[in-house]
Amino acid sequence: MNKHTEKGNNHVTLRRKERERAHRERQILRVAERVFAKKGFQAATIQEIAIESELAVGTIYNFFSSKESLYSKIITSRMDEMRQEVLEKTQNIEDVKKRLKTMLQVQSVFIEKNRDFFIIFLRDQNRFPWFLAKDLGKEVSIRYQRYLGTLKTLFNEGIQKGVFREHDAEDLAEAWGGICNTFFFKWLTERPRWALTTKALIIYELFMRGVEK
């Protein structure tokens, strides 16, 4: 075997190991999300997550240094995942009303598909250890402010195009976020029979009646 072939084989092996590691990490995160949703952060243990994952406890610690780091990864990765889906579905939409509506629809579908995660977030955000709350509070705040910034840009564009009334764009962003969060919270905590995606149109229509020019 020449050096070129050996180097190529090593590269293939490395890529395979990277894929396997990424797959195992996703597996751990999925299981941990279910365990945290069922038991809460305080009651859940790495041992339970290992058993549910059919992995050794040591294997979990090879990926995450602590229960806190595992929990943090779940929260931030899911928030980033939702943002990425929204960007992908809205980046080529020029019509600001259609972009806003699509953003809400994408979020609603994502929340329905990832109910366990959002239950975790609602239940534990004020109850896990103060050091984790401090760290996650900052990370969550950064992501929410980024979301509001996207909305503010959208509303500013709509105002300039004469689509929306001339209100403060930041106020509109906060108002939109507040209305959406109210419906999201109700669906997550009460789990009514109606689908969250069906309420997305109602949220949109209610809001547009107040701001559309």
N, C-alpha and C. Protein backbone atom coordinates (compact mmCIF):
# COMPACT_ATOMS: atom_id res chain seq x y z
N MET A 1 0.86 -1.20 0.00
CA MET A 1 0.00 0.00 0.00
C MET A 1 0.89 1.25 0.00
N ASN A 2 0.71 2.13 -0.98
CA ASN A 2 1.52 3.34 -1.01
C ASN A 2 0.99 4.39 -0.03
N LYS A 3 1.82 5.43 0.15
CA LYS A 3 1.47 6.46 1.15
C LYS A 3 0.18 7.19 0.78
N HIS A 4 -0.03 7.40 -0.51
CA HIS A 4 -1.25 8.10 -0.96
C HIS A 4 -2.50 7.31 -0.61
N THR A 5 -2.43 5.98 -0.87
CA THR A 5 -3.58 5.12 -0.56
C THR A 5 -3.82 5.06 0.94
N GLU A 6 -2.73 4.94 1.68
CA GLU A 6 -2.86 4.87 3.15
C GLU A 6 -3.47 6.15 3.71
N LYS A 7 -3.05 7.29 3.17
CA LYS A 7 -3.60 8.57 3.61
C LYS A 7 -5.09 8.67 3.30
N GLY A 8 -5.46 8.17 2.10
CA GLY A 8 -6.88 8.19 1.71
C GLY A 8 -7.72 7.32 2.61
N ASN A 9 -7.20 6.14 2.95
CA ASN A 9 -7.93 5.23 3.84
C ASN A 9 -8.10 5.83 5.24
N ASN A 10 -7.06 6.49 5.72
CA ASN A 10 -7.13 7.13 7.03
C ASN A 10 -8.19 8.23 7.05
N HIS A 11 -8.27 8.96 5.93
CA HIS A 11 -9.26 10.04 5.82
C HIS A 11 -10.68 9.48 5.84
N VAL A 12 -10.88 8.37 5.11
CA VAL A 12 -12.20 7.73 5.08
C VAL A 12 -12.57 7.21 6.46
N THR A 13 -11.61 6.61 7.15
CA THR A 13 -11.85 6.10 8.50
C THR A 13 -12.22 7.22 9.46
N LEU A 14 -11.51 8.35 9.34
CA LEU A 14 -11.78 9.50 10.20
C LEU A 14 -13.18 10.03 9.97
N ARG A 15 -13.58 10.15 8.71
CA ARG A 15 -14.92 10.65 8.39
C ARG A 15 -15.99 9.70 8.91
N ARG A 16 -15.74 8.39 8.82
CA ARG A 16 -16.70 7.42 9.32
C ARG A 16 -16.85 7.54 10.83
N LYS A 17 -15.73 7.73 11.51
CA LYS A 17 -15.77 7.88 12.97
C LYS A 17 -16.51 9.15 13.37
N GLU A 18 -16.31 10.22 12.59
CA GLU A 18 -17.00 11.48 12.86
C GLU A 18 -18.51 11.31 12.69
N ARG A 19 -18.92 10.59 11.63
CA ARG A 19 -20.34 10.35 11.39
C ARG A 19 -20.93 9.49 12.51
N GLU A 20 -20.18 8.49 12.93
CA GLU A 20 -20.65 7.62 14.00
C GLU A 20 -20.79 8.38 15.30
N ARG A 21 -19.85 9.25 15.57
CA ARG A 21 -19.91 10.05 16.80
C ARG A 21 -21.11 11.01 16.76
N ALA A 22 -21.31 11.65 15.61
CA ALA A 22 -22.44 12.57 15.48
C ALA A 22 -23.76 11.82 15.64
N HIS A 23 -23.83 10.63 15.07
CA HIS A 23 -25.04 9.81 15.20
C HIS A 23 -25.29 9.44 16.65
N ARG A 24 -24.25 9.03 17.36
CA ARG A 24 -24.39 8.66 18.76
C ARG A 24 -24.80 9.86 19.63
N GLU A 25 -24.25 11.01 19.31
CA GLU A 25 -24.61 12.22 20.07
C GLU A 25 -26.08 12.55 19.88
N ARG A 26 -26.56 12.47 18.64
CA ARG A 26 -27.98 12.74 18.37
C ARG A 26 -28.86 11.74 19.12
N GLN A 27 -28.42 10.49 19.17
CA GLN A 27 -29.16 9.46 19.89
C GLN A 27 -29.28 9.82 21.37
N ILE A 28 -28.18 10.22 21.97
CA ILE A 28 -28.17 10.60 23.39
C ILE A 28 -29.09 11.79 23.63
N LEU A 29 -29.01 12.78 22.76
CA LEU A 29 -29.83 13.98 22.91
C LEU A 29 -31.32 13.66 22.82
N ARG A 30 -31.69 12.79 21.88
CA ARG A 30 -33.10 12.43 21.73
C ARG A 30 -33.63 11.74 22.99
N VAL A 31 -32.85 10.80 23.50
CA VAL A 31 -33.27 10.07 24.69
C VAL A 31 -33.30 11.00 25.91
N ALA A 32 -32.27 11.81 26.06
CA ALA A 32 -32.20 12.74 27.19
C ALA A 32 -33.38 13.70 27.18
N GLU A 33 -33.78 14.13 26.00
CA GLU A 33 -34.92 15.03 25.88
C GLU A 33 -36.19 14.38 26.42
N ARG A 34 -36.39 13.12 26.10
CA ARG A 34 -37.56 12.39 26.61
C ARG A 34 -37.50 12.23 28.13
N VAL A 35 -36.33 11.90 28.63
CA VAL A 35 -36.18 11.69 30.07
C VAL A 35 -36.38 12.99 30.84
N PHE A 36 -35.79 14.08 30.35
CA PHE A 36 -35.96 15.38 31.00
C PHE A 36 -37.43 15.82 30.96
N ALA A 37 -38.10 15.58 29.84
CA ALA A 37 -39.51 15.97 29.70
C ALA A 37 -40.37 15.20 30.69
N LYS A 38 -40.03 13.94 30.90
CA LYS A 38 -40.83 13.09 31.79
C LYS A 38 -40.54 13.36 33.26
N LYS A 39 -39.27 13.54 33.62
CA LYS A 39 -38.88 13.61 35.03
C LYS A 39 -38.51 15.01 35.51
N GLY A 40 -38.18 15.90 34.59
CA GLY A 40 -37.67 17.20 34.99
C GLY A 40 -36.16 17.14 35.16
N PHE A 41 -35.53 18.31 35.13
CA PHE A 41 -34.07 18.35 35.20
C PHE A 41 -33.54 17.78 36.51
N GLN A 42 -34.13 18.18 37.61
CA GLN A 42 -33.61 17.78 38.92
C GLN A 42 -33.70 16.28 39.14
N ALA A 43 -34.82 15.68 38.77
CA ALA A 43 -35.04 14.26 39.06
C ALA A 43 -34.34 13.33 38.07
N ALA A 44 -34.14 13.79 36.86
CA ALA A 44 -33.50 12.94 35.84
C ALA A 44 -32.04 12.70 36.20
N THR A 45 -31.53 11.55 35.81
CA THR A 45 -30.13 11.21 36.07
C THR A 45 -29.45 10.73 34.80
N ILE A 46 -28.14 10.86 34.79
CA ILE A 46 -27.36 10.35 33.66
C ILE A 46 -27.54 8.84 33.54
N GLN A 47 -27.67 8.16 34.68
CA GLN A 47 -27.86 6.71 34.68
C GLN A 47 -29.13 6.33 33.92
N GLU A 48 -30.21 7.07 34.16
CA GLU A 48 -31.46 6.78 33.45
C GLU A 48 -31.31 7.02 31.95
N ILE A 49 -30.64 8.08 31.61
CA ILE A 49 -30.43 8.40 30.20
C ILE A 49 -29.59 7.32 29.53
N ALA A 50 -28.59 6.82 30.26
CA ALA A 50 -27.74 5.75 29.73
C ALA A 50 -28.55 4.48 29.50
N ILE A 51 -29.40 4.13 30.46
CA ILE A 51 -30.22 2.92 30.33
C ILE A 51 -31.17 3.04 29.15
N GLU A 52 -31.84 4.20 29.04
CA GLU A 52 -32.77 4.42 27.94
C GLU A 52 -32.05 4.41 26.59
N SER A 53 -30.80 4.86 26.59
CA SER A 53 -30.02 4.91 25.36
C SER A 53 -29.35 3.58 25.04
N GLU A 54 -29.41 2.66 26.01
CA GLU A 54 -28.71 1.37 25.90
C GLU A 54 -27.21 1.58 25.73
N LEU A 55 -26.69 2.53 26.51
CA LEU A 55 -25.27 2.85 26.49
C LEU A 55 -24.73 2.81 27.92
N ALA A 56 -23.43 2.72 28.02
CA ALA A 56 -22.80 2.78 29.34
C ALA A 56 -22.77 4.23 29.82
N VAL A 57 -22.80 4.41 31.14
CA VAL A 57 -22.74 5.76 31.70
C VAL A 57 -21.48 6.47 31.23
N GLY A 58 -20.37 5.73 31.19
CA GLY A 58 -19.11 6.32 30.73
C GLY A 58 -19.19 6.84 29.32
N THR A 59 -19.98 6.17 28.49
CA THR A 59 -20.13 6.62 27.09
C THR A 59 -20.83 7.97 27.04
N ILE A 60 -21.84 8.14 27.90
CA ILE A 60 -22.53 9.44 27.97
C ILE A 60 -21.54 10.53 28.34
N TYR A 61 -20.69 10.24 29.33
CA TYR A 61 -19.72 11.24 29.78
C TYR A 61 -18.62 11.49 28.75
N ASN A 62 -18.44 10.58 27.81
CA ASN A 62 -17.50 10.83 26.72
C ASN A 62 -18.00 11.92 25.78
N PHE A 63 -19.31 12.11 25.78
CA PHE A 63 -19.92 13.12 24.93
C PHE A 63 -20.27 14.40 25.69
N PHE A 64 -20.68 14.25 26.93
CA PHE A 64 -21.11 15.40 27.73
C PHE A 64 -20.49 15.31 29.12
N SER A 65 -19.88 16.37 29.56
CA SER A 65 -19.13 16.35 30.82
C SER A 65 -20.03 16.27 32.05
N SER A 66 -21.31 16.64 31.90
CA SER A 66 -22.22 16.66 33.04
C SER A 66 -23.66 16.67 32.57
N LYS A 67 -24.57 16.47 33.51
CA LYS A 67 -25.98 16.55 33.19
C LYS A 67 -26.33 17.97 32.72
N GLU A 68 -25.68 18.95 33.34
CA GLU A 68 -25.93 20.35 32.98
C GLU A 68 -25.53 20.64 31.54
N SER A 69 -24.37 20.12 31.13
CA SER A 69 -23.92 20.38 29.76
C SER A 69 -24.81 19.68 28.74
N LEU A 70 -25.32 18.51 29.10
CA LEU A 70 -26.25 17.79 28.24
C LEU A 70 -27.55 18.56 28.09
N TYR A 71 -28.07 19.04 29.20
CA TYR A 71 -29.31 19.82 29.19
C TYR A 71 -29.13 21.09 28.36
N SER A 72 -28.01 21.77 28.59
CA SER A 72 -27.74 23.01 27.86
C SER A 72 -27.70 22.77 26.36
N LYS A 73 -27.09 21.66 25.95
CA LYS A 73 -26.99 21.33 24.53
C LYS A 73 -28.36 21.11 23.91
N ILE A 74 -29.25 20.46 24.66
CA ILE A 74 -30.61 20.23 24.16
C ILE A 74 -31.30 21.56 23.91
N ILE A 75 -31.24 22.46 24.88
CA ILE A 75 -31.93 23.74 24.77
C ILE A 75 -31.40 24.56 23.59
N THR A 76 -30.10 24.77 23.56
CA THR A 76 -29.54 25.66 22.53
C THR A 76 -29.61 25.06 21.13
N SER A 77 -29.41 23.75 21.02
CA SER A 77 -29.44 23.13 19.69
C SER A 77 -30.84 23.16 19.09
N ARG A 78 -31.86 22.93 19.93
CA ARG A 78 -33.23 22.98 19.43
C ARG A 78 -33.62 24.39 19.00
N MET A 79 -33.22 25.38 19.77
CA MET A 79 -33.53 26.76 19.40
C MET A 79 -32.84 27.13 18.09
N ASP A 80 -31.59 26.70 17.94
CA ASP A 80 -30.86 26.99 16.70
C ASP A 80 -31.47 26.24 15.52
N GLU A 81 -31.94 25.04 15.78
CA GLU A 81 -32.57 24.24 14.73
C GLU A 81 -33.84 24.92 14.22
N MET A 82 -34.65 25.44 15.14
CA MET A 82 -35.87 26.12 14.73
C MET A 82 -35.55 27.38 13.93
N ARG A 83 -34.56 28.13 14.39
CA ARG A 83 -34.18 29.34 13.66
C ARG A 83 -33.72 29.01 12.25
N GLN A 84 -32.95 27.94 12.10
CA GLN A 84 -32.44 27.55 10.80
C GLN A 84 -33.58 27.16 9.87
N GLU A 85 -34.56 26.44 10.40
CA GLU A 85 -35.71 26.06 9.57
C GLU A 85 -36.48 27.28 9.11
N VAL A 86 -36.66 28.25 10.00
CA VAL A 86 -37.37 29.48 9.65
C VAL A 86 -36.62 30.22 8.56
N LEU A 87 -35.31 30.36 8.71
CA LEU A 87 -34.51 31.08 7.71
C LEU A 87 -34.58 30.40 6.34
N GLU A 88 -34.48 29.08 6.34
CA GLU A 88 -34.51 28.34 5.08
C GLU A 88 -35.84 28.51 4.35
N LYS A 89 -36.93 28.57 5.10
CA LYS A 89 -38.25 28.65 4.48
C LYS A 89 -38.67 30.07 4.14
N THR A 90 -37.99 31.07 4.68
CA THR A 90 -38.44 32.45 4.47
C THR A 90 -37.45 33.34 3.73
N GLN A 91 -36.21 32.91 3.56
CA GLN A 91 -35.17 33.80 3.04
C GLN A 91 -35.43 34.28 1.61
N ASN A 92 -36.19 33.53 0.83
CA ASN A 92 -36.44 33.92 -0.56
C ASN A 92 -37.84 34.51 -0.77
N ILE A 93 -38.54 34.79 0.32
CA ILE A 93 -39.89 35.37 0.21
C ILE A 93 -39.79 36.89 0.31
N GLU A 94 -40.13 37.58 -0.75
CA GLU A 94 -40.03 39.04 -0.78
C GLU A 94 -41.23 39.71 -0.12
N ASP A 95 -42.41 39.14 -0.29
CA ASP A 95 -43.63 39.70 0.31
C ASP A 95 -43.54 39.60 1.83
N VAL A 96 -43.55 40.74 2.54
CA VAL A 96 -43.33 40.73 3.99
C VAL A 96 -44.47 40.04 4.74
N LYS A 97 -45.69 40.18 4.25
CA LYS A 97 -46.81 39.51 4.93
C LYS A 97 -46.70 38.00 4.79
N LYS A 98 -46.37 37.54 3.61
CA LYS A 98 -46.21 36.12 3.39
C LYS A 98 -45.03 35.58 4.19
N ARG A 99 -43.98 36.39 4.32
CA ARG A 99 -42.81 35.97 5.09
C ARG A 99 -43.15 35.80 6.57
N LEU A 100 -43.91 36.77 7.10
CA LEU A 100 -44.33 36.71 8.50
C LEU A 100 -45.23 35.50 8.75
N LYS A 101 -46.16 35.27 7.85
CA LYS A 101 -47.09 34.15 7.97
C LYS A 101 -46.34 32.81 7.89
N THR A 102 -45.41 32.73 6.96
CA THR A 102 -44.63 31.50 6.81
C THR A 102 -43.77 31.24 8.05
N MET A 103 -43.20 32.30 8.60
CA MET A 103 -42.40 32.17 9.82
C MET A 103 -43.21 31.54 10.94
N LEU A 104 -44.43 32.01 11.12
CA LEU A 104 -45.31 31.48 12.17
C LEU A 104 -45.69 30.03 11.90
N GLN A 105 -45.97 29.72 10.64
CA GLN A 105 -46.34 28.34 10.29
C GLN A 105 -45.19 27.37 10.55
N VAL A 106 -43.99 27.79 10.19
CA VAL A 106 -42.81 26.94 10.41
C VAL A 106 -42.58 26.72 11.90
N GLN A 107 -42.71 27.78 12.69
CA GLN A 107 -42.54 27.67 14.13
C GLN A 107 -43.58 26.73 14.73
N SER A 108 -44.83 26.86 14.28
CA SER A 108 -45.91 26.04 14.81
C SER A 108 -45.67 24.56 14.52
N VAL A 109 -45.25 24.25 13.31
CA VAL A 109 -44.95 22.87 12.95
C VAL A 109 -43.79 22.34 13.80
N PHE A 110 -42.78 23.16 13.98
CA PHE A 110 -41.61 22.75 14.75
C PHE A 110 -41.99 22.47 16.21
N ILE A 111 -42.81 23.32 16.79
CA ILE A 111 -43.23 23.13 18.18
C ILE A 111 -44.06 21.86 18.33
N GLU A 112 -44.95 21.61 17.37
CA GLU A 112 -45.76 20.39 17.42
C GLU A 112 -44.87 19.14 17.33
N LYS A 113 -43.86 19.19 16.49
CA LYS A 113 -42.99 18.03 16.31
C LYS A 113 -42.04 17.83 17.49
N ASN A 114 -41.78 18.90 18.24
CA ASN A 114 -40.78 18.84 19.32
C ASN A 114 -41.39 19.25 20.66
N ARG A 115 -42.57 18.71 20.93
CA ARG A 115 -43.28 19.08 22.16
C ARG A 115 -42.47 18.77 23.41
N ASP A 116 -41.79 17.63 23.43
CA ASP A 116 -40.99 17.26 24.60
C ASP A 116 -39.99 18.35 24.96
N PHE A 117 -39.33 18.89 23.95
CA PHE A 117 -38.34 19.94 24.21
C PHE A 117 -38.98 21.17 24.83
N PHE A 118 -40.09 21.62 24.27
CA PHE A 118 -40.71 22.84 24.77
C PHE A 118 -41.33 22.64 26.15
N ILE A 119 -41.77 21.43 26.45
CA ILE A 119 -42.23 21.13 27.80
C ILE A 119 -41.08 21.27 28.78
N ILE A 120 -39.91 20.75 28.40
CA ILE A 120 -38.71 20.89 29.23
C ILE A 120 -38.43 22.36 29.49
N PHE A 121 -38.44 23.13 28.43
CA PHE A 121 -38.09 24.54 28.52
C PHE A 121 -39.04 25.30 29.44
N LEU A 122 -40.35 25.05 29.28
CA LEU A 122 -41.33 25.73 30.11
C LEU A 122 -41.27 25.29 31.56
N ARG A 123 -41.09 24.00 31.78
CA ARG A 123 -41.14 23.46 33.14
C ARG A 123 -39.93 23.86 33.97
N ASP A 124 -38.76 23.80 33.37
CA ASP A 124 -37.53 23.88 34.15
C ASP A 124 -36.77 25.20 34.06
N GLN A 125 -37.21 26.13 33.25
CA GLN A 125 -36.39 27.30 33.01
C GLN A 125 -36.13 28.11 34.28
N ASN A 126 -37.00 28.02 35.29
CA ASN A 126 -36.78 28.75 36.53
C ASN A 126 -36.45 27.85 37.71
N ARG A 127 -36.20 26.54 37.42
CA ARG A 127 -36.04 25.61 38.52
C ARG A 127 -34.72 24.86 38.55
N PHE A 128 -33.95 24.87 37.46
CA PHE A 128 -32.70 24.15 37.53
C PHE A 128 -31.67 25.00 38.28
N PRO A 129 -30.54 24.42 38.69
CA PRO A 129 -29.57 25.13 39.52
C PRO A 129 -29.21 26.51 39.00
N TRP A 130 -28.97 27.41 39.92
CA TRP A 130 -28.79 28.82 39.56
C TRP A 130 -27.66 29.03 38.56
N PHE A 131 -26.57 28.24 38.66
CA PHE A 131 -25.45 28.43 37.75
C PHE A 131 -25.83 28.06 36.33
N LEU A 132 -26.68 27.02 36.17
CA LEU A 132 -27.15 26.64 34.84
C LEU A 132 -28.15 27.67 34.33
N ALA A 133 -29.02 28.12 35.20
CA ALA A 133 -29.99 29.14 34.80
C ALA A 133 -29.29 30.40 34.33
N LYS A 134 -28.21 30.73 35.01
CA LYS A 134 -27.45 31.93 34.63
C LYS A 134 -26.86 31.76 33.24
N ASP A 135 -26.22 30.61 33.00
CA ASP A 135 -25.60 30.37 31.71
C ASP A 135 -26.64 30.26 30.59
N LEU A 136 -27.66 29.45 30.84
CA LEU A 136 -28.69 29.25 29.82
C LEU A 136 -29.51 30.51 29.62
N GLY A 137 -29.72 31.25 30.70
CA GLY A 137 -30.48 32.49 30.57
C GLY A 137 -29.83 33.42 29.57
N LYS A 138 -28.51 33.50 29.61
CA LYS A 138 -27.77 34.34 28.68
C LYS A 138 -27.91 33.81 27.26
N GLU A 139 -27.71 32.50 27.11
CA GLU A 139 -27.78 31.90 25.78
C GLU A 139 -29.18 32.00 25.18
N VAL A 140 -30.19 31.76 26.00
CA VAL A 140 -31.58 31.86 25.54
C VAL A 140 -31.91 33.30 25.18
N SER A 141 -31.44 34.24 26.02
CA SER A 141 -31.70 35.65 25.76
C SER A 141 -31.08 36.09 24.45
N ILE A 142 -29.87 35.64 24.17
CA ILE A 142 -29.20 35.99 22.91
C ILE A 142 -30.04 35.53 21.72
N ARG A 143 -30.54 34.31 21.83
CA ARG A 143 -31.32 33.74 20.72
C ARG A 143 -32.66 34.43 20.57
N TYR A 144 -33.30 34.78 21.69
CA TYR A 144 -34.60 35.46 21.59
C TYR A 144 -34.42 36.87 21.04
N GLN A 145 -33.37 37.55 21.46
CA GLN A 145 -33.12 38.89 20.92
C GLN A 145 -32.81 38.83 19.42
N ARG A 146 -32.16 37.76 19.00
CA ARG A 146 -31.89 37.58 17.57
C ARG A 146 -33.21 37.40 16.81
N TYR A 147 -34.12 36.65 17.41
CA TYR A 147 -35.45 36.44 16.83
C TYR A 147 -36.21 37.76 16.73
N LEU A 148 -36.18 38.55 17.80
CA LEU A 148 -36.85 39.86 17.78
C LEU A 148 -36.20 40.78 16.75
N GLY A 149 -34.89 40.66 16.59
CA GLY A 149 -34.20 41.48 15.60
C GLY A 149 -34.66 41.14 14.19
N THR A 150 -34.88 39.86 13.93
CA THR A 150 -35.39 39.44 12.62
C THR A 150 -36.77 40.02 12.38
N LEU A 151 -37.61 39.96 13.42
CA LEU A 151 -38.96 40.52 13.31
C LEU A 151 -38.92 42.04 13.11
N LYS A 152 -38.05 42.70 13.85
CA LYS A 152 -37.93 44.16 13.73
C LYS A 152 -37.55 44.56 12.31
N THR A 153 -36.61 43.84 11.73
CA THR A 153 -36.20 44.11 10.35
C THR A 153 -37.36 43.91 9.40
N LEU A 154 -38.12 42.84 9.62
CA LEU A 154 -39.27 42.55 8.77
C LEU A 154 -40.32 43.66 8.86
N PHE A 155 -40.62 44.09 10.09
CA PHE A 155 -41.64 45.14 10.26
C PHE A 155 -41.15 46.48 9.72
N ASN A 156 -39.89 46.79 9.89
CA ASN A 156 -39.35 48.02 9.30
C ASN A 156 -39.50 48.02 7.79
N GLU A 157 -39.21 46.89 7.19
CA GLU A 157 -39.36 46.74 5.73
C GLU A 157 -40.81 46.93 5.33
N GLY A 158 -41.72 46.33 6.10
CA GLY A 158 -43.14 46.45 5.80
C GLY A 158 -43.65 47.88 5.93
N ILE A 159 -43.14 48.60 6.92
CA ILE A 159 -43.54 50.00 7.12
C ILE A 159 -43.04 50.85 5.94
N GLN A 160 -41.80 50.62 5.54
CA GLN A 160 -41.22 51.38 4.43
C GLN A 160 -41.95 51.12 3.11
N LYS A 161 -42.47 49.90 2.96
CA LYS A 161 -43.19 49.55 1.74
C LYS A 161 -44.67 49.94 1.81
N GLY A 162 -45.09 50.48 2.93
CA GLY A 162 -46.48 50.89 3.09
C GLY A 162 -47.44 49.74 3.37
N VAL A 163 -46.91 48.61 3.80
CA VAL A 163 -47.74 47.45 4.10
C VAL A 163 -48.30 47.54 5.52
N PHE A 164 -47.47 48.04 6.45
CA PHE A 164 -47.86 48.17 7.85
C PHE A 164 -47.99 49.63 8.23
N ARG A 165 -48.81 49.86 9.24
CA ARG A 165 -48.92 51.22 9.78
C ARG A 165 -47.60 51.64 10.41
N GLU A 166 -47.42 52.94 10.54
CA GLU A 166 -46.14 53.46 11.03
C GLU A 166 -46.05 53.42 12.54
N HIS A 167 -45.98 52.24 13.08
CA HIS A 167 -45.71 52.03 14.49
C HIS A 167 -44.22 51.78 14.67
N ASP A 168 -43.76 51.82 15.89
CA ASP A 168 -42.38 51.48 16.17
C ASP A 168 -42.15 49.99 15.86
N ALA A 169 -41.17 49.69 15.03
CA ALA A 169 -40.94 48.31 14.60
C ALA A 169 -40.59 47.39 15.77
N GLU A 170 -39.89 47.93 16.76
CA GLU A 170 -39.53 47.11 17.92
C GLU A 170 -40.78 46.76 18.73
N ASP A 171 -41.70 47.72 18.84
CA ASP A 171 -42.97 47.44 19.54
C ASP A 171 -43.77 46.37 18.81
N LEU A 172 -43.79 46.45 17.50
CA LEU A 172 -44.51 45.45 16.71
C LEU A 172 -43.88 44.06 16.89
N ALA A 173 -42.57 44.02 16.92
CA ALA A 173 -41.87 42.74 17.12
C ALA A 173 -42.22 42.14 18.48
N GLU A 174 -42.21 42.97 19.51
CA GLU A 174 -42.53 42.50 20.86
C GLU A 174 -43.98 42.04 20.94
N ALA A 175 -44.88 42.79 20.30
CA ALA A 175 -46.30 42.45 20.33
C ALA A 175 -46.55 41.13 19.61
N TRP A 176 -45.94 40.96 18.46
CA TRP A 176 -46.08 39.71 17.70
C TRP A 176 -45.56 38.53 18.52
N GLY A 177 -44.36 38.70 19.08
CA GLY A 177 -43.78 37.64 19.90
C GLY A 177 -44.66 37.28 21.08
N GLY A 178 -45.26 38.29 21.72
CA GLY A 178 -46.12 38.06 22.88
C GLY A 178 -47.38 37.29 22.51
N ILE A 179 -48.01 37.64 21.41
CA ILE A 179 -49.23 36.94 20.98
C ILE A 179 -48.91 35.49 20.63
N CYS A 180 -47.84 35.29 19.88
CA CYS A 180 -47.46 33.92 19.49
C CYS A 180 -47.16 33.07 20.72
N ASN A 181 -46.39 33.63 21.65
CA ASN A 181 -46.00 32.88 22.84
C ASN A 181 -47.19 32.50 23.70
N THR A 182 -48.23 33.35 23.72
CA THR A 182 -49.44 33.05 24.49
C THR A 182 -50.13 31.80 23.95
N PHE A 183 -50.26 31.73 22.64
CA PHE A 183 -50.88 30.55 22.01
C PHE A 183 -50.00 29.31 22.18
N PHE A 184 -48.69 29.50 22.01
CA PHE A 184 -47.77 28.37 22.17
C PHE A 184 -47.86 27.81 23.59
N PHE A 185 -47.87 28.71 24.57
CA PHE A 185 -47.91 28.29 25.98
C PHE A 185 -49.20 27.53 26.29
N LYS A 186 -50.30 28.03 25.79
CA LYS A 186 -51.59 27.37 26.03
C LYS A 186 -51.59 25.96 25.44
N TRP A 187 -51.09 25.83 24.22
CA TRP A 187 -51.07 24.53 23.58
C TRP A 187 -50.17 23.54 24.31
N LEU A 188 -49.03 24.01 24.77
CA LEU A 188 -48.07 23.14 25.44
C LEU A 188 -48.55 22.70 26.83
N THR A 189 -49.18 23.61 27.56
CA THR A 189 -49.55 23.30 28.94
C THR A 189 -50.91 22.60 29.04
N GLU A 190 -51.82 22.93 28.16
CA GLU A 190 -53.17 22.36 28.24
C GLU A 190 -53.38 21.22 27.24
N ARG A 191 -52.57 21.19 26.21
CA ARG A 191 -52.69 20.22 25.12
C ARG A 191 -54.14 20.07 24.66
N PRO A 192 -54.74 21.15 24.18
CA PRO A 192 -56.12 21.08 23.70
C PRO A 192 -56.22 20.23 22.44
N ARG A 193 -57.44 19.98 22.01
CA ARG A 193 -57.64 19.13 20.84
C ARG A 193 -57.25 19.81 19.54
N TRP A 194 -57.29 21.13 19.54
CA TRP A 194 -56.94 21.81 18.30
C TRP A 194 -55.43 21.75 18.04
N ALA A 195 -55.10 21.66 16.76
CA ALA A 195 -53.69 21.64 16.37
C ALA A 195 -53.13 23.06 16.41
N LEU A 196 -51.90 23.17 16.85
CA LEU A 196 -51.28 24.48 16.93
C LEU A 196 -51.19 25.13 15.56
N THR A 197 -50.96 24.32 14.55
CA THR A 197 -50.84 24.85 13.19
C THR A 197 -52.15 25.48 12.70
N THR A 198 -53.28 25.00 13.20
CA THR A 198 -54.56 25.60 12.79
C THR A 198 -54.75 26.97 13.42
N LYS A 199 -54.15 27.19 14.58
CA LYS A 199 -54.26 28.48 15.25
C LYS A 199 -53.32 29.52 14.65
N ALA A 200 -52.33 29.06 13.90
CA ALA A 200 -51.37 30.00 13.31
C ALA A 200 -52.08 31.03 12.44
N LEU A 201 -53.07 30.58 11.65
CA LEU A 201 -53.81 31.50 10.79
C LEU A 201 -54.61 32.50 11.59
N ILE A 202 -55.17 32.05 12.72
CA ILE A 202 -55.94 32.95 13.58
C ILE A 202 -55.02 34.01 14.18
N ILE A 203 -53.86 33.59 14.66
CA ILE A 203 -52.88 34.54 15.21
C ILE A 203 -52.53 35.58 14.16
N TYR A 204 -52.27 35.11 12.97
CA TYR A 204 -51.87 36.00 11.88
C TYR A 204 -52.98 36.99 11.56
N GLU A 205 -54.20 36.50 11.42
CA GLU A 205 -55.33 37.36 11.07
C GLU A 205 -55.59 38.40 12.16
N LEU A 206 -55.56 37.99 13.41
CA LEU A 206 -55.80 38.92 14.52
C LEU A 206 -54.77 40.03 14.53
N PHE A 207 -53.54 39.66 14.35
CA PHE A 207 -52.48 40.66 14.37
C PHE A 207 -52.56 41.61 13.19
N MET A 208 -52.82 41.06 12.01
CA MET A 208 -52.85 41.89 10.81
C MET A 208 -53.98 42.91 10.84
N ARG A 209 -55.08 42.57 11.49
CA ARG A 209 -56.20 43.52 11.60
C ARG A 209 -55.78 44.79 12.31
N GLY A 210 -54.82 44.67 13.21
CA GLY A 210 -54.38 45.86 13.95
C GLY A 210 -53.24 46.63 13.32
N VAL A 211 -52.46 45.98 12.46
CA VAL A 211 -51.27 46.65 11.95
C VAL A 211 -51.25 46.88 10.44
N GLU A 212 -52.09 46.14 9.71
CA GLU A 212 -52.05 46.27 8.26
C GLU A 212 -52.60 47.63 7.84
N LYS A 213 -51.93 48.24 6.88
CA LYS A 213 -52.31 49.58 6.45
C LYS A 213 -53.42 49.51 5.42
